[in-house]
C-alpha atoms as a PDB file:
ATOM      1  CA  MET A   1      -0.209   0.290   0.174  1.00  0.00           C
ATOM      2  CA  PRO A   2       1.716   3.688  -1.238  1.00  0.00           C
ATOM      3  CA  THR A   3       1.709   6.110   1.515  1.00  0.00           C
ATOM      4  CA  LEU A   4       2.307   9.569   0.559  1.00  0.00           C
ATOM      5  CA  HIS A   5       2.158  12.983   2.204  1.00  0.00           C
ATOM      6  CA  GLY A   6      -1.020  11.055   3.967  1.00  0.00           C
ATOM      7  CA  ILE A   7      -2.823   9.351   1.666  1.00  0.00           C
ATOM      8  CA  ASP A   8      -2.542   5.348   1.630  1.00  0.00           C
ATOM      9  CA  TRP A   9      -4.106   3.435  -1.219  1.00  0.00           C
ATOM     10  CA  THR A  10      -4.249   0.243  -3.046  1.00  0.00           C
ATOM     11  CA  ALA A  11      -4.989  -0.132  -6.666  1.00  0.00           C
ATOM     12  CA  GLU A  12      -6.070  -3.770  -7.302  1.00  0.00           C
ATOM     13  CA  PRO A  13      -8.611  -4.763  -9.965  1.00  0.00           C
ATOM     14  CA  ARG A  14     -10.864  -6.198  -7.422  1.00  0.00           C
ATOM     15  CA  VAL A  15     -11.383  -3.169  -4.718  1.00  0.00           C
ATOM     16  CA  GLY A  16      -9.042  -0.161  -4.659  1.00  0.00           C
ATOM     17  CA  SER A  17      -9.115   1.800  -1.525  1.00  0.00           C
ATOM     18  CA  ILE A  18      -7.930   5.679  -0.773  1.00  0.00           C
ATOM     19  CA  VAL A  19      -7.165   6.076   2.744  1.00  0.00           C
ATOM     20  CA  LEU A  20      -6.679   9.932   4.634  1.00  0.00           C
ATOM     21  CA  ASP A  21      -4.081   9.258   6.682  1.00  0.00           C
ATOM     22  CA  ARG A  22      -3.418  12.502   8.510  1.00  0.00           C
ATOM     23  CA  ALA A  23      -5.552  12.358  11.905  1.00  0.00           C
ATOM     24  CA  THR A  24      -2.974  14.630  13.547  1.00  0.00           C
ATOM     25  CA  HIS A  25      -4.349  17.319  11.384  1.00  0.00           C
ATOM     26  CA  HIS A  26      -8.223  16.290  11.212  1.00  0.00           C
ATOM     27  CA  ASN A  27      -7.140  14.534   7.525  1.00  0.00           C
ATOM     28  CA  ALA A  28      -7.405  18.552   6.543  1.00  0.00           C
ATOM     29  CA  LEU A  29      -6.697  18.871   2.420  1.00  0.00           C
ATOM     30  CA  GLY A  30      -3.183  21.352   2.223  1.00  0.00           C
ATOM     31  CA  PHE A  31      -1.027  21.001  -1.305  1.00  0.00           C
ATOM     32  CA  ASP A  32       0.708  18.161  -0.416  1.00  0.00           C
ATOM     33  CA  THR A  33      -1.665  16.128   0.778  1.00  0.00           C
ATOM     34  CA  ALA A  34      -4.199  17.120  -1.963  1.00  0.00           C
ATOM     35  CA  SER A  35      -1.388  16.388  -4.299  1.00  0.00           C
ATOM     36  CA  ALA A  36      -1.014  12.858  -3.657  1.00  0.00           C
ATOM     37  CA  LEU A  37      -4.675  12.270  -2.706  1.00  0.00           C
ATOM     38  CA  ALA A  38      -4.659  12.649  -6.836  1.00  0.00           C
ATOM     39  CA  GLN A  39      -1.817  10.095  -7.261  1.00  0.00           C
ATOM     40  CA  ALA A  40      -3.793   8.082  -5.612  1.00  0.00           C
ATOM     41  CA  ILE A  41      -7.104   8.659  -6.997  1.00  0.00           C
ATOM     42  CA  ALA A  42      -5.264   8.077 -10.675  1.00  0.00           C
ATOM     43  CA  GLU A  43      -3.136   5.239  -9.571  1.00  0.00           C
ATOM     44  CA  VAL A  44      -6.293   3.373  -8.197  1.00  0.00           C
ATOM     45  CA  LEU A  45      -8.390   3.674 -10.770  1.00  0.00           C
ATOM     46  CA  ALA A  46      -5.893   2.539 -13.930  1.00  0.00           C
ATOM     47  CA  ALA A  47      -6.490  -0.900 -12.126  1.00  0.00           C
ATOM     48  CA  GLN A  48     -10.162  -0.956 -13.140  1.00  0.00           C
ATOM     49  CA  PRO A  49     -11.288  -2.050  -9.603  1.00  0.00           C
ATOM     50  CA  ARG A  50     -14.640  -3.296  -9.754  1.00  0.00           C
ATOM     51  CA  VAL A  51     -15.375  -0.769  -6.405  1.00  0.00           C
ATOM     52  CA  VAL A  52     -13.581   1.744  -4.520  1.00  0.00           C
ATOM     53  CA  VAL A  53     -13.624   2.398  -0.895  1.00  0.00           C
ATOM     54  CA  ILE A  54     -12.881   5.790   0.700  1.00  0.00           C
ATOM     55  CA  LYS A  55     -12.199   5.600   4.161  1.00  0.00           C
ATOM     56  CA  ALA A  56     -10.202   7.712   6.962  1.00  0.00           C
ATOM     57  CA  ARG A  57      -8.208   6.998  10.101  1.00  0.00           C
ATOM     58  CA  GLY A  58      -8.544   8.798  13.303  1.00  0.00           C
ATOM     59  CA  PRO A  59     -11.876  10.458  15.050  1.00  0.00           C
ATOM     60  CA  ILE A  60     -12.279  13.103  12.486  1.00  0.00           C
ATOM     61  CA  PHE A  61     -12.959  11.903   8.339  1.00  0.00           C
ATOM     62  CA  CYS A  62     -11.693  15.124   6.979  1.00  0.00           C
ATOM     63  CA  ALA A  63     -12.223  18.372   8.328  1.00  0.00           C
ATOM     64  CA  GLY A  64     -11.797  19.835   4.811  1.00  0.00           C
ATOM     65  CA  GLY A  65      -8.785  22.521   3.983  1.00  0.00           C
ATOM     66  CA  ASP A  66      -5.652  22.763   6.220  1.00  0.00           C
ATOM     67  CA  ILE A  67      -6.779  26.317   7.666  1.00  0.00           C
ATOM     68  CA  GLN A  68      -3.003  26.730   9.796  1.00  0.00           C
ATOM     69  CA  GLU A  69      -1.818  26.290   5.841  1.00  0.00           C
ATOM     70  CA  PHE A  70      -4.244  28.544   4.472  1.00  0.00           C
ATOM     71  CA  ALA A  71      -3.380  31.479   7.298  1.00  0.00           C
ATOM     72  CA  SER A  72       0.319  30.818   6.902  1.00  0.00           C
ATOM     73  CA  ALA A  73       0.148  31.654   3.091  1.00  0.00           C
ATOM     74  CA  GLY A  74      -1.190  35.248   4.010  1.00  0.00           C
ATOM     75  CA  ASP A  75      -1.911  37.731   0.896  1.00  0.00           C
ATOM     76  CA  GLN A  76      -0.709  34.563  -1.159  1.00  0.00           C
ATOM     77  CA  LEU A  77      -4.210  32.509  -0.347  1.00  0.00           C
ATOM     78  CA  PRO A  78      -5.750  32.740  -3.828  1.00  0.00           C
ATOM     79  CA  GLN A  79      -2.727  31.064  -5.195  1.00  0.00           C
ATOM     80  CA  LEU A  80      -2.523  28.611  -2.966  1.00  0.00           C
ATOM     81  CA  VAL A  81      -6.016  27.264  -2.931  1.00  0.00           C
ATOM     82  CA  ASN A  82      -5.678  27.799  -6.545  1.00  0.00           C
ATOM     83  CA  ASP A  83      -2.338  25.837  -7.323  1.00  0.00           C
ATOM     84  CA  ILE A  84      -4.480  22.844  -4.437  1.00  0.00           C
ATOM     85  CA  LEU A  85      -7.709  22.392  -6.750  1.00  0.00           C
ATOM     86  CA  ASP A  86      -5.687  22.493  -9.698  1.00  0.00           C
ATOM     87  CA  GLN A  87      -4.106  19.248  -9.113  1.00  0.00           C
ATOM     88  CA  LEU A  88      -7.041  18.080  -7.258  1.00  0.00           C
ATOM     89  CA  LEU A  89      -9.535  18.549  -9.467  1.00  0.00           C
ATOM     90  CA  PRO A  90      -9.121  16.510 -12.699  1.00  0.00           C
ATOM     91  CA  ALA A  91      -8.269  13.844 -10.670  1.00  0.00           C
ATOM     92  CA  TYR A  92     -11.578  14.128  -8.092  1.00  0.00           C
ATOM     93  CA  LEU A  93     -13.630  14.805 -11.276  1.00  0.00           C
ATOM     94  CA  GLN A  94     -12.035  11.161 -12.794  1.00  0.00           C
ATOM     95  CA  LEU A  95     -13.595  10.057  -9.573  1.00  0.00           C
ATOM     96  CA  ALA A  96     -16.958  11.208  -9.033  1.00  0.00           C
ATOM     97  CA  GLN A  97     -17.220   9.661 -13.084  1.00  0.00           C
ATOM     98  CA  ALA A  98     -15.232   6.819 -12.524  1.00  0.00           C
ATOM     99  CA  ALA A  99     -17.506   3.836 -13.981  1.00  0.00           C
ATOM    100  CA  CYS A 100     -17.808   1.684 -10.821  1.00  0.00           C
ATOM    101  CA  PRO A 101     -19.571   1.806  -7.924  1.00  0.00           C
ATOM    102  CA  VAL A 102     -17.789   4.508  -5.003  1.00  0.00           C
ATOM    103  CA  VAL A 103     -18.376   4.224  -1.741  1.00  0.00           C
ATOM    104  CA  SER A 104     -17.685   6.058   1.127  1.00  0.00           C
ATOM    105  CA  VAL A 105     -17.046   5.717   4.762  1.00  0.00           C
ATOM    106  CA  VAL A 106     -17.512   8.156   6.684  1.00  0.00           C
ATOM    107  CA  GLY A 107     -16.366   7.386  10.116  1.00  0.00           C
ATOM    108  CA  GLY A 108     -16.799  10.841  11.661  1.00  0.00           C
ATOM    109  CA  PRO A 109     -17.145  14.618  11.546  1.00  0.00           C
ATOM    110  CA  VAL A 110     -16.929  15.611   7.618  1.00  0.00           C
ATOM    111  CA  GLY A 111     -16.254  19.559   6.747  1.00  0.00           C
ATOM    112  CA  GLY A 112     -15.550  21.524   3.936  1.00  0.00           C
ATOM    113  CA  ALA A 113     -13.725  20.499   1.018  1.00  0.00           C
ATOM    114  CA  GLY A 114     -14.317  16.594   2.820  1.00  0.00           C
ATOM    115  CA  ILE A 115     -17.939  16.688   2.244  1.00  0.00           C
ATOM    116  CA  GLY A 116     -17.392  16.322  -1.722  1.00  0.00           C
ATOM    117  CA  LEU A 117     -14.736  13.833  -1.597  1.00  0.00           C
ATOM    118  CA  ALA A 118     -17.245  11.827   0.798  1.00  0.00           C
ATOM    119  CA  LEU A 119     -20.466  12.564  -0.690  1.00  0.00           C
ATOM    120  CA  CYS A 120     -19.539  11.691  -4.414  1.00  0.00           C
ATOM    121  CA  GLY A 121     -19.449   8.389  -3.396  1.00  0.00           C
ATOM    122  CA  ASP A 122     -22.878   6.319  -5.094  1.00  0.00           C
ATOM    123  CA  PHE A 123     -22.738   4.692  -1.575  1.00  0.00           C
ATOM    124  CA  VAL A 124     -22.221   6.806   1.662  1.00  0.00           C
ATOM    125  CA  LEU A 125     -22.050   5.119   4.914  1.00  0.00           C
ATOM    126  CA  ALA A 126     -21.819   6.915   8.391  1.00  0.00           C
ATOM    127  CA  SER A 127     -20.792   6.106  11.528  1.00  0.00           C
ATOM    128  CA  ASP A 128     -23.591   7.796  14.375  1.00  0.00           C
ATOM    129  CA  THR A 129     -20.199   9.851  15.423  1.00  0.00           C
ATOM    130  CA  MET A 130     -20.663  11.779  12.578  1.00  0.00           C
ATOM    131  CA  LYS A 131     -22.122  15.109  11.798  1.00  0.00           C
ATOM    132  CA  LEU A 132     -21.138  17.690   8.581  1.00  0.00           C
ATOM    133  CA  ARG A 133     -20.507  21.179   8.865  1.00  0.00           C
ATOM    134  CA  THR A 134     -20.098  23.013   5.927  1.00  0.00           C
ATOM    135  CA  GLY A 135     -17.222  25.741   7.412  1.00  0.00           C
ATOM    136  CA  TYR A 136     -17.209  27.598   4.443  1.00  0.00           C
ATOM    137  CA  SER A 137     -19.334  30.756   5.529  1.00  0.00           C
ATOM    138  CA  ALA A 138     -17.588  30.816   9.043  1.00  0.00           C
ATOM    139  CA  ILE A 139     -14.326  31.655   7.428  1.00  0.00           C
ATOM    140  CA  GLY A 140     -15.321  33.554   4.346  1.00  0.00           C
ATOM    141  CA  LEU A 141     -14.706  31.201   1.674  1.00  0.00           C
ATOM    142  CA  SER A 142     -17.204  29.535  -1.018  1.00  0.00           C
ATOM    143  CA  PRO A 143     -17.740  25.974  -1.641  1.00  0.00           C
ATOM    144  CA  ASP A 144     -15.192  23.693  -3.314  1.00  0.00           C
ATOM    145  CA  VAL A 145     -14.500  20.231  -4.615  1.00  0.00           C
ATOM    146  CA  GLY A 146     -17.566  19.464  -5.690  1.00  0.00           C
ATOM    147  CA  ALA A 147     -19.192  19.924  -2.216  1.00  0.00           C
ATOM    148  CA  SER A 148     -22.158  22.099  -3.173  1.00  0.00           C
ATOM    149  CA  TYR A 149     -22.793  20.139  -6.305  1.00  0.00           C
ATOM    150  CA  PHE A 150     -22.743  17.020  -4.231  1.00  0.00           C
ATOM    151  CA  LEU A 151     -24.818  18.408  -1.209  1.00  0.00           C
ATOM    152  CA  ALA A 152     -27.724  19.850  -3.448  1.00  0.00           C
ATOM    153  CA  ARG A 153     -27.741  16.486  -5.500  1.00  0.00           C
ATOM    154  CA  ARG A 154     -28.322  14.343  -2.152  1.00  0.00           C
ATOM    155  CA  ILE A 155     -30.602  16.920  -0.545  1.00  0.00           C
ATOM    156  CA  GLY A 156     -32.257  19.779  -2.496  1.00  0.00           C
ATOM    157  CA  ALA A 157     -30.615  22.806  -4.003  1.00  0.00           C
ATOM    158  CA  VAL A 158     -32.463  25.116  -1.173  1.00  0.00           C
ATOM    159  CA  ARG A 159     -31.552  22.455   1.827  1.00  0.00           C
ATOM    160  CA  ALA A 160     -28.240  22.479   0.604  1.00  0.00           C
ATOM    161  CA  GLN A 161     -27.777  26.263   0.053  1.00  0.00           C
ATOM    162  CA  GLN A 162     -29.636  26.420   4.032  1.00  0.00           C
ATOM    163  CA  TRP A 163     -26.705  24.130   5.553  1.00  0.00           C
ATOM    164  CA  LEU A 164     -24.249  25.925   3.321  1.00  0.00           C
ATOM    165  CA  MET A 165     -24.958  29.776   4.401  1.00  0.00           C
ATOM    166  CA  LEU A 166     -25.430  28.586   8.531  1.00  0.00           C
ATOM    167  CA  SER A 167     -22.723  26.284   8.731  1.00  0.00           C
ATOM    168  CA  GLN A 168     -24.166  24.584  11.886  1.00  0.00           C
ATOM    169  CA  ALA A 169     -22.999  21.281  12.532  1.00  0.00           C
ATOM    170  CA  VAL A 170     -25.359  18.692  11.542  1.00  0.00           C
ATOM    171  CA  ASP A 171     -25.623  14.909  13.358  1.00  0.00           C
ATOM    172  CA  ALA A 172     -25.742  11.531  11.610  1.00  0.00           C
ATOM    173  CA  GLN A 173     -29.087  11.241  12.272  1.00  0.00           C
ATOM    174  CA  ARG A 174     -30.325  14.700  10.694  1.00  0.00           C
ATOM    175  CA  CYS A 175     -27.923  13.428   7.491  1.00  0.00           C
ATOM    176  CA  LEU A 176     -29.685  10.249   7.278  1.00  0.00           C
ATOM    177  CA  ALA A 177     -33.140  12.325   7.101  1.00  0.00           C
ATOM    178  CA  ALA A 178     -31.948  14.497   4.741  1.00  0.00           C
ATOM    179  CA  GLY A 179     -30.723  12.328   2.644  1.00  0.00           C
ATOM    180  CA  ALA A 180     -27.038  12.963   2.608  1.00  0.00           C
ATOM    181  CA  VAL A 181     -25.825   9.543   3.664  1.00  0.00           C
ATOM    182  CA  ASP A 182     -27.461   6.374   2.912  1.00  0.00           C
ATOM    183  CA  GLN A 183     -26.943   4.750   6.568  1.00  0.00           C
ATOM    184  CA  VAL A 184     -25.684   5.014   9.722  1.00  0.00           C
ATOM    185  CA  PHE A 185     -24.702   2.519  11.723  1.00  0.00           C
ATOM    186  CA  PRO A 186     -22.815   2.663  15.062  1.00  0.00           C
ATOM    187  CA  ALA A 187     -19.302   3.011  14.931  1.00  0.00           C
ATOM    188  CA  GLN A 188     -18.224  -0.286  15.675  1.00  0.00           C
ATOM    189  CA  GLU A 189     -20.264  -1.588  13.144  1.00  0.00           C
ATOM    190  CA  LEU A 190     -19.504   0.456  10.637  1.00  0.00           C
ATOM    191  CA  GLU A 191     -16.385  -1.752   8.966  1.00  0.00           C
ATOM    192  CA  ALA A 192     -18.026  -4.367   9.173  1.00  0.00           C
ATOM    193  CA  ALA A 193     -21.423  -2.892   7.235  1.00  0.00           C
ATOM    194  CA  ALA A 194     -18.820  -1.081   4.736  1.00  0.00           C
ATOM    195  CA  GLN A 195     -17.155  -4.530   3.910  1.00  0.00           C
ATOM    196  CA  GLY A 196     -20.444  -6.570   3.392  1.00  0.00           C
ATOM    197  CA  LEU A 197     -21.562  -3.739   1.018  1.00  0.00           C
ATOM    198  CA  VAL A 198     -18.500  -4.011  -1.234  1.00  0.00           C
ATOM    199  CA  GLY A 199     -18.643  -7.718  -0.731  1.00  0.00           C
ATOM    200  CA  GLN A 200     -22.056  -7.360  -2.380  1.00  0.00           C
ATOM    201  CA  LEU A 201     -21.113  -4.839  -4.967  1.00  0.00           C
ATOM    202  CA  CYS A 202     -18.001  -7.118  -6.354  1.00  0.00           C
ATOM    203  CA  HIS A 203     -19.642 -10.202  -7.088  1.00  0.00           C
ATOM    204  CA  SER A 204     -22.393  -7.957  -9.336  1.00  0.00           C
ATOM    205  CA  ALA A 205     -21.531  -7.775 -13.156  1.00  0.00           C
ATOM    206  CA  PRO A 206     -19.222  -4.448 -13.895  1.00  0.00           C
ATOM    207  CA  ALA A 207     -20.792  -3.969 -17.040  1.00  0.00           C
ATOM    208  CA  SER A 208     -24.667  -3.625 -15.619  1.00  0.00           C
ATOM    209  CA  LEU A 209     -23.393  -1.788 -12.819  1.00  0.00           C
ATOM    210  CA  ALA A 210     -21.206   0.814 -15.292  1.00  0.00           C
ATOM    211  CA  ALA A 211     -24.567   1.358 -17.257  1.00  0.00           C
ATOM    212  CA  ILE A 212     -26.813   1.964 -14.477  1.00  0.00           C
ATOM    213  CA  LYS A 213     -24.482   4.691 -12.828  1.00  0.00           C
ATOM    214  CA  LYS A 214     -24.146   6.422 -16.722  1.00  0.00           C
ATOM    215  CA  LEU A 215     -28.193   6.187 -16.937  1.00  0.00           C
ATOM    216  CA  ALA A 216     -28.659   6.963 -13.266  1.00  0.00           C
ATOM    217  CA  THR A 217     -26.612  10.266 -13.205  1.00  0.00           C
ATOM    218  CA  GLN A 218     -26.707  12.086 -16.987  1.00  0.00           C
ATOM    219  CA  GLY A 219     -28.535  15.426 -16.569  1.00  0.00           C
ATOM    220  CA  PRO A 220     -31.901  16.716 -15.928  1.00  0.00           C
ATOM    221  CA  GLY A 221     -31.500  18.264 -19.430  1.00  0.00           C
ATOM    222  CA  VAL A 222     -31.092  15.571 -21.098  1.00  0.00           C
ATOM    223  CA  SER A 223     -34.263  14.738 -23.152  1.00  0.00           C
ATOM    224  CA  LEU A 224     -36.543  11.018 -23.044  1.00  0.00           C
ATOM    225  CA  GLN A 225     -35.411  10.092 -26.806  1.00  0.00           C
ATOM    226  CA  ASP A 226     -31.856  10.468 -26.195  1.00  0.00           C
ATOM    227  CA  HIS A 227     -32.479   8.537 -22.194  1.00  0.00           C
ATOM    228  CA  LEU A 228     -33.919   5.999 -23.964  1.00  0.00           C
ATOM    229  CA  LEU A 229     -31.697   5.494 -26.752  1.00  0.00           C
ATOM    230  CA  LEU A 230     -28.671   5.528 -24.584  1.00  0.00           C
ATOM    231  CA  GLU A 231     -30.799   2.503 -22.458  1.00  0.00           C
ATOM    232  CA  GLN A 232     -30.683   0.731 -25.866  1.00  0.00           C
ATOM    233  CA  GLN A 233     -26.990   1.466 -26.356  1.00  0.00           C
ATOM    234  CA  LEU A 234     -26.069  -0.138 -23.026  1.00  0.00           C
ATOM    235  CA  LEU A 235     -27.813  -2.636 -23.000  1.00  0.00           C
ATOM    236  CA  LYS A 236     -27.069  -3.977 -26.097  1.00  0.00           C
ATOM    237  CA  ALA A 237     -23.836  -4.035 -24.901  1.00  0.00           C
ATOM    238  CA  CYS A 238     -24.153  -5.633 -21.521  1.00  0.00           C
ATOM    239  CA  ALA A 239     -25.699  -8.759 -23.950  1.00  0.00           C
ATOM    240  CA  SER A 240     -22.565  -9.156 -25.608  1.00  0.00           C
ATOM    241  CA  THR A 241     -21.119  -9.563 -22.204  1.00  0.00           C
ATOM    242  CA  SER A 242     -20.246 -13.421 -20.598  1.00  0.00           C
ATOM    243  CA  ASP A 243     -21.817 -11.944 -17.455  1.00  0.00           C
ATOM    244  CA  ALA A 244     -25.077 -11.308 -19.331  1.00  0.00           C
ATOM    245  CA  ARG A 245     -25.111 -14.923 -20.364  1.00  0.00           C
ATOM    246  CA  GLU A 246     -24.297 -16.340 -17.263  1.00  0.00           C
ATOM    247  CA  GLY A 247     -26.584 -14.314 -15.284  1.00  0.00           C
ATOM    248  CA  ILE A 248     -29.194 -15.697 -17.702  1.00  0.00           C
ATOM    249  CA  ALA A 249     -28.777 -18.981 -16.943  1.00  0.00           C
ATOM    250  CA  ALA A 250     -28.143 -18.626 -13.314  1.00  0.00           C
ATOM    251  CA  PHE A 251     -31.635 -17.049 -13.232  1.00  0.00           C
ATOM    252  CA  VAL A 252     -33.434 -19.848 -15.242  1.00  0.00           C
ATOM    253  CA  GLN A 253     -31.054 -22.715 -13.172  1.00  0.00           C
ATOM    254  CA  LYS A 254     -32.021 -20.737  -9.662  1.00  0.00           C
ATOM    255  CA  ARG A 255     -28.468 -20.744  -8.471  1.00  0.00           C
ATOM    256  CA  PRO A 256     -26.592 -17.556  -7.629  1.00  0.00           C
ATOM    257  CA  ALA A 257     -24.626 -16.309 -10.566  1.00  0.00           C
ATOM    258  CA  LEU A 258     -20.640 -16.266 -10.980  1.00  0.00           C
ATOM    259  CA  PHE A 259     -20.055 -13.150 -12.767  1.00  0.00           C
ATOM    260  CA  LYS A 260     -16.138 -12.277 -13.660  1.00  0.00           C
ATOM    261  CA  GLY A 261     -16.398  -9.265 -15.636  1.00  0.00           C
ATOM    262  CA  GLN A 262     -15.946 -10.387 -18.988  1.00  0.00           C
END
């Protein structure tokens, strides 16, 4: 598992993992950490895993940007945040648009840029110790790393605007009720729950999951005609795979399917 500037990652064909491991700094993202995170994302996705898992070590998932680094930048703060985002955003976009499922395991409080990293997951599992605080308005900044996009997509534009403007801590149960996270578990059960979900996804046909993700994430401006055409194209592509033939045979024979990603 490579480690660089507080980021650990594993690039494997079955499960790729990205781990924030800078607990002494609340897993905050500064220039070096963002560079390492971009490298981790690129290498993990290059392995074409069936599932990508994002998680963190320590009691806090990610506090957002490294405020101490921001404070030290002084008048150079605009250049610093621009340099951080220039290197991180291309990789983050690849992660958010990955064909495979992305599972975020949020084992504690999350804020700022950490929100975008967590909520870009197709599945967001949280511990009961998790809370979300956007933080931007409290320090006179605006959202970044997809925080406003994915928060609005999950909880609605008006509520996202309110959470971002007020910058108040929102506990795990309120996040669950609003749709910001998908499931909440006692802290000691979170890892096992995540492993169970990842195992289930790994046993699915990759082409089927990729097609579902592509169809579900199309923008609202796509016409019904274009959507139906894309459905047809993707279904035809899936039908040409060995996994589809295996899945149909398993259904007829009333046995579990063994998908090989072919």
